[in-house]
mmCIF file of all heavy atoms, coordinates in Angstrom:
data_MODEL
# 
_entry.id   MODEL 
# 
loop_
_atom_site.group_PDB 
_atom_site.id 
_atom_site.type_symbol 
_atom_site.label_atom_id 
_atom_site.label_alt_id 
_atom_site.label_comp_id 
_atom_site.label_asym_id 
_atom_site.label_entity_id 
_atom_site.label_seq_id 
_atom_site.pdbx_PDB_ins_code 
_atom_site.Cartn_x 
_atom_site.Cartn_y 
_atom_site.Cartn_z 
_atom_site.occupancy 
_atom_site.B_iso_or_equiv 
_atom_site.pdbx_formal_charge 
_atom_site.auth_seq_id 
_atom_site.auth_comp_id 
_atom_site.auth_asym_id 
_atom_site.auth_atom_id 
_atom_site.pdbx_PDB_model_num 
ATOM 1   N N   . CYS A 1 1  ? -12.069 32.730 -2.779  1.00 0.00 ? 1  CYS A N   1 
ATOM 2   C CA  . CYS A 1 1  ? -10.997 31.762 -3.276  1.00 0.00 ? 1  CYS A CA  1 
ATOM 3   C C   . CYS A 1 1  ? -11.487 30.336 -3.058  1.00 0.00 ? 1  CYS A C   1 
ATOM 4   O O   . CYS A 1 1  ? -11.159 29.456 -3.807  1.00 0.00 ? 1  CYS A O   1 
ATOM 5   C CB  . CYS A 1 1  ? -9.744  32.034 -2.581  1.00 0.00 ? 1  CYS A CB  1 
ATOM 6   S SG  . CYS A 1 1  ? -8.926  33.608 -3.059  1.00 0.00 ? 1  CYS A SG  1 
ATOM 7   N N   . SER A 1 2  ? -12.202 30.032 -1.911  1.00 0.00 ? 2  SER A N   1 
ATOM 8   C CA  . SER A 1 2  ? -12.450 28.697 -1.592  1.00 0.00 ? 2  SER A CA  1 
ATOM 9   C C   . SER A 1 2  ? -13.375 27.994 -2.665  1.00 0.00 ? 2  SER A C   1 
ATOM 10  O O   . SER A 1 2  ? -13.327 26.861 -2.826  1.00 0.00 ? 2  SER A O   1 
ATOM 11  C CB  . SER A 1 2  ? -13.130 28.610 -0.251  1.00 0.00 ? 2  SER A CB  1 
ATOM 12  O OG  . SER A 1 2  ? -14.367 29.317 -0.245  1.00 0.00 ? 2  SER A OG  1 
ATOM 13  N N   . ASN A 1 3  ? -14.180 28.831 -3.364  1.00 0.00 ? 3  ASN A N   1 
ATOM 14  C CA  . ASN A 1 3  ? -15.107 28.340 -4.306  1.00 0.00 ? 3  ASN A CA  1 
ATOM 15  C C   . ASN A 1 3  ? -14.732 28.679 -5.735  1.00 0.00 ? 3  ASN A C   1 
ATOM 16  O O   . ASN A 1 3  ? -15.502 28.479 -6.647  1.00 0.00 ? 3  ASN A O   1 
ATOM 17  C CB  . ASN A 1 3  ? -16.555 28.750 -4.018  1.00 0.00 ? 3  ASN A CB  1 
ATOM 18  C CG  . ASN A 1 3  ? -17.219 27.982 -2.946  1.00 0.00 ? 3  ASN A CG  1 
ATOM 19  O OD1 . ASN A 1 3  ? -17.094 26.794 -2.765  1.00 0.00 ? 3  ASN A OD1 1 
ATOM 20  N ND2 . ASN A 1 3  ? -17.910 28.651 -2.070  1.00 0.00 ? 3  ASN A ND2 1 
ATOM 21  N N   . LEU A 1 4  ? -13.557 29.228 -5.866  1.00 0.00 ? 4  LEU A N   1 
ATOM 22  C CA  . LEU A 1 4  ? -13.201 29.817 -7.212  1.00 0.00 ? 4  LEU A CA  1 
ATOM 23  C C   . LEU A 1 4  ? -13.326 28.768 -8.303  1.00 0.00 ? 4  LEU A C   1 
ATOM 24  O O   . LEU A 1 4  ? -13.782 29.098 -9.388  1.00 0.00 ? 4  LEU A O   1 
ATOM 25  C CB  . LEU A 1 4  ? -11.735 30.293 -7.140  1.00 0.00 ? 4  LEU A CB  1 
ATOM 26  C CG  . LEU A 1 4  ? -11.321 31.220 -8.307  1.00 0.00 ? 4  LEU A CG  1 
ATOM 27  C CD1 . LEU A 1 4  ? -12.270 32.375 -8.438  1.00 0.00 ? 4  LEU A CD1 1 
ATOM 28  C CD2 . LEU A 1 4  ? -9.898  31.686 -8.073  1.00 0.00 ? 4  LEU A CD2 1 
ATOM 29  N N   . GLY A 1 5  ? -12.832 27.500 -8.103  1.00 0.00 ? 5  GLY A N   1 
ATOM 30  C CA  . GLY A 1 5  ? -12.937 26.508 -9.213  1.00 0.00 ? 5  GLY A CA  1 
ATOM 31  C C   . GLY A 1 5  ? -14.338 26.195 -9.590  1.00 0.00 ? 5  GLY A C   1 
ATOM 32  O O   . GLY A 1 5  ? -14.680 26.104 -10.760 1.00 0.00 ? 5  GLY A O   1 
ATOM 33  N N   . TYR A 1 6  ? -15.160 26.065 -8.597  1.00 0.00 ? 6  TYR A N   1 
ATOM 34  C CA  . TYR A 1 6  ? -16.534 25.749 -8.915  1.00 0.00 ? 6  TYR A CA  1 
ATOM 35  C C   . TYR A 1 6  ? -17.229 26.874 -9.625  1.00 0.00 ? 6  TYR A C   1 
ATOM 36  O O   . TYR A 1 6  ? -17.964 26.733 -10.587 1.00 0.00 ? 6  TYR A O   1 
ATOM 37  C CB  . TYR A 1 6  ? -17.310 25.465 -7.616  1.00 0.00 ? 6  TYR A CB  1 
ATOM 38  C CG  . TYR A 1 6  ? -18.826 25.170 -7.912  1.00 0.00 ? 6  TYR A CG  1 
ATOM 39  C CD1 . TYR A 1 6  ? -19.174 24.008 -8.486  1.00 0.00 ? 6  TYR A CD1 1 
ATOM 40  C CD2 . TYR A 1 6  ? -19.724 26.144 -7.526  1.00 0.00 ? 6  TYR A CD2 1 
ATOM 41  C CE1 . TYR A 1 6  ? -20.518 23.786 -8.745  1.00 0.00 ? 6  TYR A CE1 1 
ATOM 42  C CE2 . TYR A 1 6  ? -21.091 25.892 -7.808  1.00 0.00 ? 6  TYR A CE2 1 
ATOM 43  C CZ  . TYR A 1 6  ? -21.464 24.745 -8.401  1.00 0.00 ? 6  TYR A CZ  1 
ATOM 44  O OH  . TYR A 1 6  ? -22.835 24.541 -8.713  1.00 0.00 ? 6  TYR A OH  1 
ATOM 45  N N   . TYR A 1 7  ? -16.954 28.121 -9.151  1.00 0.00 ? 7  TYR A N   1 
ATOM 46  C CA  . TYR A 1 7  ? -17.605 29.269 -9.801  1.00 0.00 ? 7  TYR A CA  1 
ATOM 47  C C   . TYR A 1 7  ? -17.060 29.509 -11.178 1.00 0.00 ? 7  TYR A C   1 
ATOM 48  O O   . TYR A 1 7  ? -17.811 29.934 -12.053 1.00 0.00 ? 7  TYR A O   1 
ATOM 49  C CB  . TYR A 1 7  ? -17.432 30.586 -8.970  1.00 0.00 ? 7  TYR A CB  1 
ATOM 50  C CG  . TYR A 1 7  ? -18.349 30.655 -7.766  1.00 0.00 ? 7  TYR A CG  1 
ATOM 51  C CD1 . TYR A 1 7  ? -17.877 30.676 -6.491  1.00 0.00 ? 7  TYR A CD1 1 
ATOM 52  C CD2 . TYR A 1 7  ? -19.754 30.733 -7.968  1.00 0.00 ? 7  TYR A CD2 1 
ATOM 53  C CE1 . TYR A 1 7  ? -18.732 30.741 -5.405  1.00 0.00 ? 7  TYR A CE1 1 
ATOM 54  C CE2 . TYR A 1 7  ? -20.558 30.745 -6.856  1.00 0.00 ? 7  TYR A CE2 1 
ATOM 55  C CZ  . TYR A 1 7  ? -20.072 30.778 -5.645  1.00 0.00 ? 7  TYR A CZ  1 
ATOM 56  O OH  . TYR A 1 7  ? -20.932 30.836 -4.570  1.00 0.00 ? 7  TYR A OH  1 
ATOM 57  N N   . TRP A 1 8  ? -15.791 29.122 -11.384 1.00 0.00 ? 8  TRP A N   1 
ATOM 58  C CA  . TRP A 1 8  ? -15.280 29.307 -12.757 1.00 0.00 ? 8  TRP A CA  1 
ATOM 59  C C   . TRP A 1 8  ? -15.955 28.401 -13.753 1.00 0.00 ? 8  TRP A C   1 
ATOM 60  O O   . TRP A 1 8  ? -16.284 28.790 -14.821 1.00 0.00 ? 8  TRP A O   1 
ATOM 61  C CB  . TRP A 1 8  ? -13.750 29.018 -12.777 1.00 0.00 ? 8  TRP A CB  1 
ATOM 62  C CG  . TRP A 1 8  ? -13.182 29.099 -14.139 1.00 0.00 ? 8  TRP A CG  1 
ATOM 63  C CD1 . TRP A 1 8  ? -12.737 28.021 -14.878 1.00 0.00 ? 8  TRP A CD1 1 
ATOM 64  C CD2 . TRP A 1 8  ? -13.118 30.226 -15.014 1.00 0.00 ? 8  TRP A CD2 1 
ATOM 65  N NE1 . TRP A 1 8  ? -12.314 28.442 -16.138 1.00 0.00 ? 8  TRP A NE1 1 
ATOM 66  C CE2 . TRP A 1 8  ? -12.573 29.800 -16.259 1.00 0.00 ? 8  TRP A CE2 1 
ATOM 67  C CE3 . TRP A 1 8  ? -13.490 31.544 -14.894 1.00 0.00 ? 8  TRP A CE3 1 
ATOM 68  C CZ2 . TRP A 1 8  ? -12.366 30.651 -17.336 1.00 0.00 ? 8  TRP A CZ2 1 
ATOM 69  C CZ3 . TRP A 1 8  ? -13.288 32.373 -15.954 1.00 0.00 ? 8  TRP A CZ3 1 
ATOM 70  C CH2 . TRP A 1 8  ? -12.687 31.927 -17.151 1.00 0.00 ? 8  TRP A CH2 1 
ATOM 71  N N   . GLN A 1 9  ? -16.226 27.145 -13.354 1.00 0.00 ? 9  GLN A N   1 
ATOM 72  C CA  . GLN A 1 9  ? -16.947 26.286 -14.248 1.00 0.00 ? 9  GLN A CA  1 
ATOM 73  C C   . GLN A 1 9  ? -18.375 26.713 -14.483 1.00 0.00 ? 9  GLN A C   1 
ATOM 74  O O   . GLN A 1 9  ? -18.886 26.607 -15.551 1.00 0.00 ? 9  GLN A O   1 
ATOM 75  C CB  . GLN A 1 9  ? -16.938 24.803 -13.775 1.00 0.00 ? 9  GLN A CB  1 
ATOM 76  C CG  . GLN A 1 9  ? -17.733 24.473 -12.550 1.00 0.00 ? 9  GLN A CG  1 
ATOM 77  C CD  . GLN A 1 9  ? -19.193 24.178 -12.874 1.00 0.00 ? 9  GLN A CD  1 
ATOM 78  O OE1 . GLN A 1 9  ? -19.474 23.649 -13.973 1.00 0.00 ? 9  GLN A OE1 1 
ATOM 79  N NE2 . GLN A 1 9  ? -20.140 24.450 -11.972 1.00 0.00 ? 9  GLN A NE2 1 
ATOM 80  N N   . SER A 1 10 ? -18.952 27.327 -13.422 1.00 0.00 ? 10 SER A N   1 
ATOM 81  C CA  . SER A 1 10 ? -20.298 27.824 -13.595 1.00 0.00 ? 10 SER A CA  1 
ATOM 82  C C   . SER A 1 10 ? -20.385 29.077 -14.560 1.00 0.00 ? 10 SER A C   1 
ATOM 83  O O   . SER A 1 10 ? -21.208 29.116 -15.449 1.00 0.00 ? 10 SER A O   1 
ATOM 84  C CB  . SER A 1 10 ? -20.825 28.328 -12.215 1.00 0.00 ? 10 SER A CB  1 
ATOM 85  O OG  . SER A 1 10 ? -20.929 27.280 -11.307 1.00 0.00 ? 10 SER A OG  1 
ATOM 86  N N   . VAL A 1 11 ? -19.378 29.896 -14.419 1.00 0.00 ? 11 VAL A N   1 
ATOM 87  C CA  . VAL A 1 11 ? -19.351 31.141 -15.275 1.00 0.00 ? 11 VAL A CA  1 
ATOM 88  C C   . VAL A 1 11 ? -19.023 30.689 -16.716 1.00 0.00 ? 11 VAL A C   1 
ATOM 89  O O   . VAL A 1 11 ? -19.613 31.209 -17.663 1.00 0.00 ? 11 VAL A O   1 
ATOM 90  C CB  . VAL A 1 11 ? -18.291 32.122 -14.781 1.00 0.00 ? 11 VAL A CB  1 
ATOM 91  C CG1 . VAL A 1 11 ? -17.993 33.174 -15.786 1.00 0.00 ? 11 VAL A CG1 1 
ATOM 92  C CG2 . VAL A 1 11 ? -18.758 32.696 -13.465 1.00 0.00 ? 11 VAL A CG2 1 
ATOM 93  N N   . SER A 1 12 ? -18.035 29.776 -16.883 1.00 0.00 ? 12 SER A N   1 
ATOM 94  C CA  . SER A 1 12 ? -17.712 29.301 -18.206 1.00 0.00 ? 12 SER A CA  1 
ATOM 95  C C   . SER A 1 12 ? -18.899 28.623 -18.905 1.00 0.00 ? 12 SER A C   1 
ATOM 96  O O   . SER A 1 12 ? -19.160 28.852 -20.093 1.00 0.00 ? 12 SER A O   1 
ATOM 97  C CB  . SER A 1 12 ? -16.543 28.343 -18.121 1.00 0.00 ? 12 SER A CB  1 
ATOM 98  O OG  . SER A 1 12 ? -15.423 28.927 -17.612 1.00 0.00 ? 12 SER A OG  1 
ATOM 99  N N   . GLY A 1 13 ? -19.674 27.845 -18.149 1.00 0.00 ? 13 GLY A N   1 
ATOM 100 C CA  . GLY A 1 13 ? -20.815 27.203 -18.754 1.00 0.00 ? 13 GLY A CA  1 
ATOM 101 C C   . GLY A 1 13 ? -21.920 28.176 -19.136 1.00 0.00 ? 13 GLY A C   1 
ATOM 102 O O   . GLY A 1 13 ? -22.501 28.066 -20.166 1.00 0.00 ? 13 GLY A O   1 
ATOM 103 N N   . GLN A 1 14 ? -22.134 29.209 -18.286 1.00 0.00 ? 14 GLN A N   1 
ATOM 104 C CA  . GLN A 1 14 ? -23.096 30.223 -18.592 1.00 0.00 ? 14 GLN A CA  1 
ATOM 105 C C   . GLN A 1 14 ? -22.673 31.046 -19.777 1.00 0.00 ? 14 GLN A C   1 
ATOM 106 O O   . GLN A 1 14 ? -23.482 31.415 -20.694 1.00 0.00 ? 14 GLN A O   1 
ATOM 107 C CB  . GLN A 1 14 ? -23.357 31.102 -17.409 1.00 0.00 ? 14 GLN A CB  1 
ATOM 108 C CG  . GLN A 1 14 ? -24.466 32.065 -17.515 1.00 0.00 ? 14 GLN A CG  1 
ATOM 109 C CD  . GLN A 1 14 ? -25.810 31.356 -17.668 1.00 0.00 ? 14 GLN A CD  1 
ATOM 110 O OE1 . GLN A 1 14 ? -26.256 30.556 -16.870 1.00 0.00 ? 14 GLN A OE1 1 
ATOM 111 N NE2 . GLN A 1 14 ? -26.520 31.604 -18.788 1.00 0.00 ? 14 GLN A NE2 1 
ATOM 112 N N   . LEU A 1 15 ? -21.421 31.425 -19.901 1.00 0.00 ? 15 LEU A N   1 
ATOM 113 C CA  . LEU A 1 15 ? -20.884 32.178 -21.067 1.00 0.00 ? 15 LEU A CA  1 
ATOM 114 C C   . LEU A 1 15 ? -21.102 31.367 -22.310 1.00 0.00 ? 15 LEU A C   1 
ATOM 115 O O   . LEU A 1 15 ? -21.390 31.947 -23.385 1.00 0.00 ? 15 LEU A O   1 
ATOM 116 C CB  . LEU A 1 15 ? -19.445 32.531 -20.796 1.00 0.00 ? 15 LEU A CB  1 
ATOM 117 C CG  . LEU A 1 15 ? -19.174 33.691 -19.820 1.00 0.00 ? 15 LEU A CG  1 
ATOM 118 C CD1 . LEU A 1 15 ? -17.665 33.775 -19.572 1.00 0.00 ? 15 LEU A CD1 1 
ATOM 119 C CD2 . LEU A 1 15 ? -19.772 34.970 -20.311 1.00 0.00 ? 15 LEU A CD2 1 
ATOM 120 N N   . ASP A 1 16 ? -20.880 30.083 -22.299 1.00 0.00 ? 16 ASP A N   1 
ATOM 121 C CA  . ASP A 1 16 ? -21.000 29.268 -23.448 1.00 0.00 ? 16 ASP A CA  1 
ATOM 122 C C   . ASP A 1 16 ? -22.504 29.242 -23.912 1.00 0.00 ? 16 ASP A C   1 
ATOM 123 O O   . ASP A 1 16 ? -22.789 29.263 -25.156 1.00 0.00 ? 16 ASP A O   1 
ATOM 124 C CB  . ASP A 1 16 ? -20.576 27.821 -23.141 1.00 0.00 ? 16 ASP A CB  1 
ATOM 125 C CG  . ASP A 1 16 ? -20.711 26.932 -24.366 1.00 0.00 ? 16 ASP A CG  1 
ATOM 126 O OD1 . ASP A 1 16 ? -20.099 27.192 -25.365 1.00 0.00 ? 16 ASP A OD1 1 
ATOM 127 O OD2 . ASP A 1 16 ? -21.515 25.933 -24.276 1.00 0.00 ? 16 ASP A OD2 1 
ATOM 128 N N   . ILE A 1 17 ? -23.429 29.215 -22.969 1.00 0.00 ? 17 ILE A N   1 
ATOM 129 C CA  . ILE A 1 17 ? -24.808 29.303 -23.377 1.00 0.00 ? 17 ILE A CA  1 
ATOM 130 C C   . ILE A 1 17 ? -25.124 30.582 -23.996 1.00 0.00 ? 17 ILE A C   1 
ATOM 131 O O   . ILE A 1 17 ? -25.791 30.657 -25.086 1.00 0.00 ? 17 ILE A O   1 
ATOM 132 C CB  . ILE A 1 17 ? -25.792 29.048 -22.077 1.00 0.00 ? 17 ILE A CB  1 
ATOM 133 C CG1 . ILE A 1 17 ? -25.633 27.650 -21.592 1.00 0.00 ? 17 ILE A CG1 1 
ATOM 134 C CG2 . ILE A 1 17 ? -27.195 29.404 -22.473 1.00 0.00 ? 17 ILE A CG2 1 
ATOM 135 C CD1 . ILE A 1 17 ? -26.374 27.406 -20.327 1.00 0.00 ? 17 ILE A CD1 1 
ATOM 136 N N   . TRP A 1 18 ? -24.678 31.717 -23.398 1.00 0.00 ? 18 TRP A N   1 
ATOM 137 C CA  . TRP A 1 18 ? -25.009 33.016 -24.059 1.00 0.00 ? 18 TRP A CA  1 
ATOM 138 C C   . TRP A 1 18 ? -24.328 33.149 -25.416 1.00 0.00 ? 18 TRP A C   1 
ATOM 139 O O   . TRP A 1 18 ? -24.937 33.757 -26.332 1.00 0.00 ? 18 TRP A O   1 
ATOM 140 C CB  . TRP A 1 18 ? -24.363 34.119 -23.173 1.00 0.00 ? 18 TRP A CB  1 
ATOM 141 C CG  . TRP A 1 18 ? -25.132 34.415 -21.842 1.00 0.00 ? 18 TRP A CG  1 
ATOM 142 C CD1 . TRP A 1 18 ? -26.479 34.229 -21.655 1.00 0.00 ? 18 TRP A CD1 1 
ATOM 143 C CD2 . TRP A 1 18 ? -24.626 34.829 -20.645 1.00 0.00 ? 18 TRP A CD2 1 
ATOM 144 N NE1 . TRP A 1 18 ? -26.860 34.550 -20.393 1.00 0.00 ? 18 TRP A NE1 1 
ATOM 145 C CE2 . TRP A 1 18 ? -25.726 34.943 -19.728 1.00 0.00 ? 18 TRP A CE2 1 
ATOM 146 C CE3 . TRP A 1 18 ? -23.354 35.189 -20.131 1.00 0.00 ? 18 TRP A CE3 1 
ATOM 147 C CZ2 . TRP A 1 18 ? -25.574 35.361 -18.450 1.00 0.00 ? 18 TRP A CZ2 1 
ATOM 148 C CZ3 . TRP A 1 18 ? -23.205 35.617 -18.804 1.00 0.00 ? 18 TRP A CZ3 1 
ATOM 149 C CH2 . TRP A 1 18 ? -24.297 35.711 -17.951 1.00 0.00 ? 18 TRP A CH2 1 
ATOM 150 N N   . ARG A 1 19 ? -23.203 32.512 -25.583 1.00 0.00 ? 19 ARG A N   1 
ATOM 151 C CA  . ARG A 1 19 ? -22.494 32.631 -26.897 1.00 0.00 ? 19 ARG A CA  1 
ATOM 152 C C   . ARG A 1 19 ? -23.344 31.910 -27.964 1.00 0.00 ? 19 ARG A C   1 
ATOM 153 O O   . ARG A 1 19 ? -23.309 32.313 -29.131 1.00 0.00 ? 19 ARG A O   1 
ATOM 154 C CB  . ARG A 1 19 ? -21.127 31.905 -26.784 1.00 0.00 ? 19 ARG A CB  1 
ATOM 155 C CG  . ARG A 1 19 ? -20.349 31.897 -28.085 1.00 0.00 ? 19 ARG A CG  1 
ATOM 156 C CD  . ARG A 1 19 ? -18.950 31.234 -27.845 1.00 0.00 ? 19 ARG A CD  1 
ATOM 157 N NE  . ARG A 1 19 ? -19.079 29.840 -27.401 1.00 0.00 ? 19 ARG A NE  1 
ATOM 158 C CZ  . ARG A 1 19 ? -19.270 28.832 -28.326 1.00 0.00 ? 19 ARG A CZ  1 
ATOM 159 N NH1 . ARG A 1 19 ? -19.364 29.061 -29.662 1.00 0.00 ? 19 ARG A NH1 1 
ATOM 160 N NH2 . ARG A 1 19 ? -19.319 27.584 -27.885 1.00 0.00 ? 19 ARG A NH2 1 
ATOM 161 N N   . ARG A 1 20 ? -24.086 30.868 -27.562 1.00 0.00 ? 20 ARG A N   1 
ATOM 162 C CA  . ARG A 1 20 ? -24.833 30.142 -28.592 1.00 0.00 ? 20 ARG A CA  1 
ATOM 163 C C   . ARG A 1 20 ? -26.236 30.661 -28.800 1.00 0.00 ? 20 ARG A C   1 
ATOM 164 O O   . ARG A 1 20 ? -26.967 30.208 -29.794 1.00 0.00 ? 20 ARG A O   1 
ATOM 165 C CB  . ARG A 1 20 ? -24.968 28.670 -28.021 1.00 0.00 ? 20 ARG A CB  1 
ATOM 166 C CG  . ARG A 1 20 ? -23.611 27.970 -27.994 1.00 0.00 ? 20 ARG A CG  1 
ATOM 167 C CD  . ARG A 1 20 ? -23.813 26.634 -27.241 1.00 0.00 ? 20 ARG A CD  1 
ATOM 168 N NE  . ARG A 1 20 ? -22.564 25.873 -27.105 1.00 0.00 ? 20 ARG A NE  1 
ATOM 169 C CZ  . ARG A 1 20 ? -22.156 24.906 -27.929 1.00 0.00 ? 20 ARG A CZ  1 
ATOM 170 N NH1 . ARG A 1 20 ? -22.865 24.562 -28.975 1.00 0.00 ? 20 ARG A NH1 1 
ATOM 171 N NH2 . ARG A 1 20 ? -20.970 24.287 -27.722 1.00 0.00 ? 20 ARG A NH2 1 
ATOM 172 N N   . GLU A 1 21 ? -26.728 31.529 -27.996 1.00 0.00 ? 21 GLU A N   1 
ATOM 173 C CA  . GLU A 1 21 ? -28.098 31.972 -28.035 1.00 0.00 ? 21 GLU A CA  1 
ATOM 174 C C   . GLU A 1 21 ? -28.431 32.792 -29.305 1.00 0.00 ? 21 GLU A C   1 
ATOM 175 O O   . GLU A 1 21 ? -27.552 33.567 -29.824 1.00 0.00 ? 21 GLU A O   1 
ATOM 176 C CB  . GLU A 1 21 ? -28.444 32.862 -26.886 1.00 0.00 ? 21 GLU A CB  1 
ATOM 177 C CG  . GLU A 1 21 ? -28.674 32.205 -25.546 1.00 0.00 ? 21 GLU A CG  1 
ATOM 178 C CD  . GLU A 1 21 ? -29.084 33.080 -24.487 1.00 0.00 ? 21 GLU A CD  1 
ATOM 179 O OE1 . GLU A 1 21 ? -29.206 34.338 -24.718 1.00 0.00 ? 21 GLU A OE1 1 
ATOM 180 O OE2 . GLU A 1 21 ? -29.096 32.634 -23.317 1.00 0.00 ? 21 GLU A OE2 1 
ATOM 181 N N   . ARG A 1 22 ? -29.696 32.641 -29.826 1.00 0.00 ? 22 ARG A N   1 
ATOM 182 C CA  . ARG A 1 22 ? -30.245 33.476 -30.897 1.00 0.00 ? 22 ARG A CA  1 
ATOM 183 C C   . ARG A 1 22 ? -31.680 33.681 -30.542 1.00 0.00 ? 22 ARG A C   1 
ATOM 184 O O   . ARG A 1 22 ? -32.267 32.773 -30.034 1.00 0.00 ? 22 ARG A O   1 
ATOM 185 C CB  . ARG A 1 22 ? -30.074 32.809 -32.228 1.00 0.00 ? 22 ARG A CB  1 
ATOM 186 C CG  . ARG A 1 22 ? -28.673 32.835 -32.795 1.00 0.00 ? 22 ARG A CG  1 
ATOM 187 C CD  . ARG A 1 22 ? -28.788 32.560 -34.337 1.00 0.00 ? 22 ARG A CD  1 
ATOM 188 N NE  . ARG A 1 22 ? -29.174 31.232 -34.662 1.00 0.00 ? 22 ARG A NE  1 
ATOM 189 C CZ  . ARG A 1 22 ? -29.701 30.833 -35.831 1.00 0.00 ? 22 ARG A CZ  1 
ATOM 190 N NH1 . ARG A 1 22 ? -29.823 31.742 -36.843 1.00 0.00 ? 22 ARG A NH1 1 
ATOM 191 N NH2 . ARG A 1 22 ? -30.070 29.627 -36.020 1.00 0.00 ? 22 ARG A NH2 1 
ATOM 192 N N   . PRO A 1 23 ? -32.270 34.813 -30.957 1.00 0.00 ? 23 PRO A N   1 
ATOM 193 C CA  . PRO A 1 23 ? -33.740 35.002 -30.768 1.00 0.00 ? 23 PRO A CA  1 
ATOM 194 C C   . PRO A 1 23 ? -34.534 33.849 -31.428 1.00 0.00 ? 23 PRO A C   1 
ATOM 195 O O   . PRO A 1 23 ? -34.128 33.477 -32.520 1.00 0.00 ? 23 PRO A O   1 
ATOM 196 C CB  . PRO A 1 23 ? -34.009 36.357 -31.394 1.00 0.00 ? 23 PRO A CB  1 
ATOM 197 C CG  . PRO A 1 23 ? -32.688 37.081 -31.328 1.00 0.00 ? 23 PRO A CG  1 
ATOM 198 C CD  . PRO A 1 23 ? -31.658 36.029 -31.539 1.00 0.00 ? 23 PRO A CD  1 
ATOM 199 N N   . VAL A 1 24 ? -35.507 33.391 -30.765 1.00 0.00 ? 24 VAL A N   1 
ATOM 200 C CA  . VAL A 1 24 ? -36.322 32.255 -31.320 1.00 0.00 ? 24 VAL A CA  1 
ATOM 201 C C   . VAL A 1 24 ? -36.927 32.637 -32.677 1.00 0.00 ? 24 VAL A C   1 
ATOM 202 O O   . VAL A 1 24 ? -36.881 31.815 -33.605 1.00 0.00 ? 24 VAL A O   1 
ATOM 203 C CB  . VAL A 1 24 ? -37.394 31.908 -30.341 1.00 0.00 ? 24 VAL A CB  1 
ATOM 204 C CG1 . VAL A 1 24 ? -38.456 31.015 -31.028 1.00 0.00 ? 24 VAL A CG1 1 
ATOM 205 C CG2 . VAL A 1 24 ? -36.866 31.205 -29.149 1.00 0.00 ? 24 VAL A CG2 1 
ATOM 206 N N   . GLU A 1 25 ? -37.447 33.872 -32.832 1.00 0.00 ? 25 GLU A N   1 
ATOM 207 C CA  . GLU A 1 25 ? -37.920 34.257 -34.093 1.00 0.00 ? 25 GLU A CA  1 
ATOM 208 C C   . GLU A 1 25 ? -36.884 34.256 -35.184 1.00 0.00 ? 25 GLU A C   1 
ATOM 209 O O   . GLU A 1 25 ? -37.210 33.924 -36.325 1.00 0.00 ? 25 GLU A O   1 
ATOM 210 C CB  . GLU A 1 25 ? -38.499 35.731 -34.050 1.00 0.00 ? 25 GLU A CB  1 
ATOM 211 C CG  . GLU A 1 25 ? -39.731 35.866 -33.133 1.00 0.00 ? 25 GLU A CG  1 
ATOM 212 C CD  . GLU A 1 25 ? -39.358 36.187 -31.688 1.00 0.00 ? 25 GLU A CD  1 
ATOM 213 O OE1 . GLU A 1 25 ? -38.144 35.952 -31.328 1.00 0.00 ? 25 GLU A OE1 1 
ATOM 214 O OE2 . GLU A 1 25 ? -40.231 36.660 -30.930 1.00 0.00 ? 25 GLU A OE2 1 
ATOM 215 N N   . GLN A 1 26 ? -35.662 34.581 -34.877 1.00 0.00 ? 26 GLN A N   1 
ATOM 216 C CA  . GLN A 1 26 ? -34.567 34.511 -35.857 1.00 0.00 ? 26 GLN A CA  1 
ATOM 217 C C   . GLN A 1 26 ? -34.341 33.047 -36.290 1.00 0.00 ? 26 GLN A C   1 
ATOM 218 O O   . GLN A 1 26 ? -34.066 32.740 -37.423 1.00 0.00 ? 26 GLN A O   1 
ATOM 219 C CB  . GLN A 1 26 ? -33.325 35.147 -35.294 1.00 0.00 ? 26 GLN A CB  1 
ATOM 220 C CG  . GLN A 1 26 ? -32.209 35.304 -36.254 1.00 0.00 ? 26 GLN A CG  1 
ATOM 221 C CD  . GLN A 1 26 ? -30.968 35.882 -35.598 1.00 0.00 ? 26 GLN A CD  1 
ATOM 222 O OE1 . GLN A 1 26 ? -29.985 35.194 -35.321 1.00 0.00 ? 26 GLN A OE1 1 
ATOM 223 N NE2 . GLN A 1 26 ? -31.074 37.164 -35.251 1.00 0.00 ? 26 GLN A NE2 1 
ATOM 224 N N   . VAL A 1 27 ? -34.324 32.139 -35.315 1.00 0.00 ? 27 VAL A N   1 
ATOM 225 C CA  . VAL A 1 27 ? -34.080 30.749 -35.657 1.00 0.00 ? 27 VAL A CA  1 
ATOM 226 C C   . VAL A 1 27 ? -35.245 30.199 -36.511 1.00 0.00 ? 27 VAL A C   1 
ATOM 227 O O   . VAL A 1 27 ? -34.982 29.490 -37.458 1.00 0.00 ? 27 VAL A O   1 
ATOM 228 C CB  . VAL A 1 27 ? -33.958 29.934 -34.310 1.00 0.00 ? 27 VAL A CB  1 
ATOM 229 C CG1 . VAL A 1 27 ? -33.781 28.447 -34.638 1.00 0.00 ? 27 VAL A CG1 1 
ATOM 230 C CG2 . VAL A 1 27 ? -32.870 30.422 -33.457 1.00 0.00 ? 27 VAL A CG2 1 
ATOM 231 N N   . ILE A 1 28 ? -36.471 30.557 -36.211 1.00 0.00 ? 28 ILE A N   1 
ATOM 232 C CA  . ILE A 1 28 ? -37.632 30.099 -36.988 1.00 0.00 ? 28 ILE A CA  1 
ATOM 233 C C   . ILE A 1 28 ? -37.527 30.605 -38.416 1.00 0.00 ? 28 ILE A C   1 
ATOM 234 O O   . ILE A 1 28 ? -37.859 29.934 -39.357 1.00 0.00 ? 28 ILE A O   1 
ATOM 235 C CB  . ILE A 1 28 ? -38.935 30.532 -36.291 1.00 0.00 ? 28 ILE A CB  1 
ATOM 236 C CG1 . ILE A 1 28 ? -39.122 29.847 -35.000 1.00 0.00 ? 28 ILE A CG1 1 
ATOM 237 C CG2 . ILE A 1 28 ? -40.119 30.319 -37.221 1.00 0.00 ? 28 ILE A CG2 1 
ATOM 238 C CD1 . ILE A 1 28 ? -40.279 30.282 -34.147 1.00 0.00 ? 28 ILE A CD1 1 
ATOM 239 N N   . ALA A 1 29 ? -37.082 31.887 -38.558 1.00 0.00 ? 29 ALA A N   1 
ATOM 240 C CA  . ALA A 1 29 ? -37.068 32.508 -39.907 1.00 0.00 ? 29 ALA A CA  1 
ATOM 241 C C   . ALA A 1 29 ? -35.822 32.031 -40.736 1.00 0.00 ? 29 ALA A C   1 
ATOM 242 O O   . ALA A 1 29 ? -35.819 32.190 -41.951 1.00 0.00 ? 29 ALA A O   1 
ATOM 243 C CB  . ALA A 1 29 ? -36.973 34.042 -39.758 1.00 0.00 ? 29 ALA A CB  1 
# 
């Protein structure tokens, strides 16, 4: 609980990156 706010922003930020990812070959093509 003591770090819940910090971890939540970390998790949210990481999830946003995963949501945006595409294989490099796919982006190139």
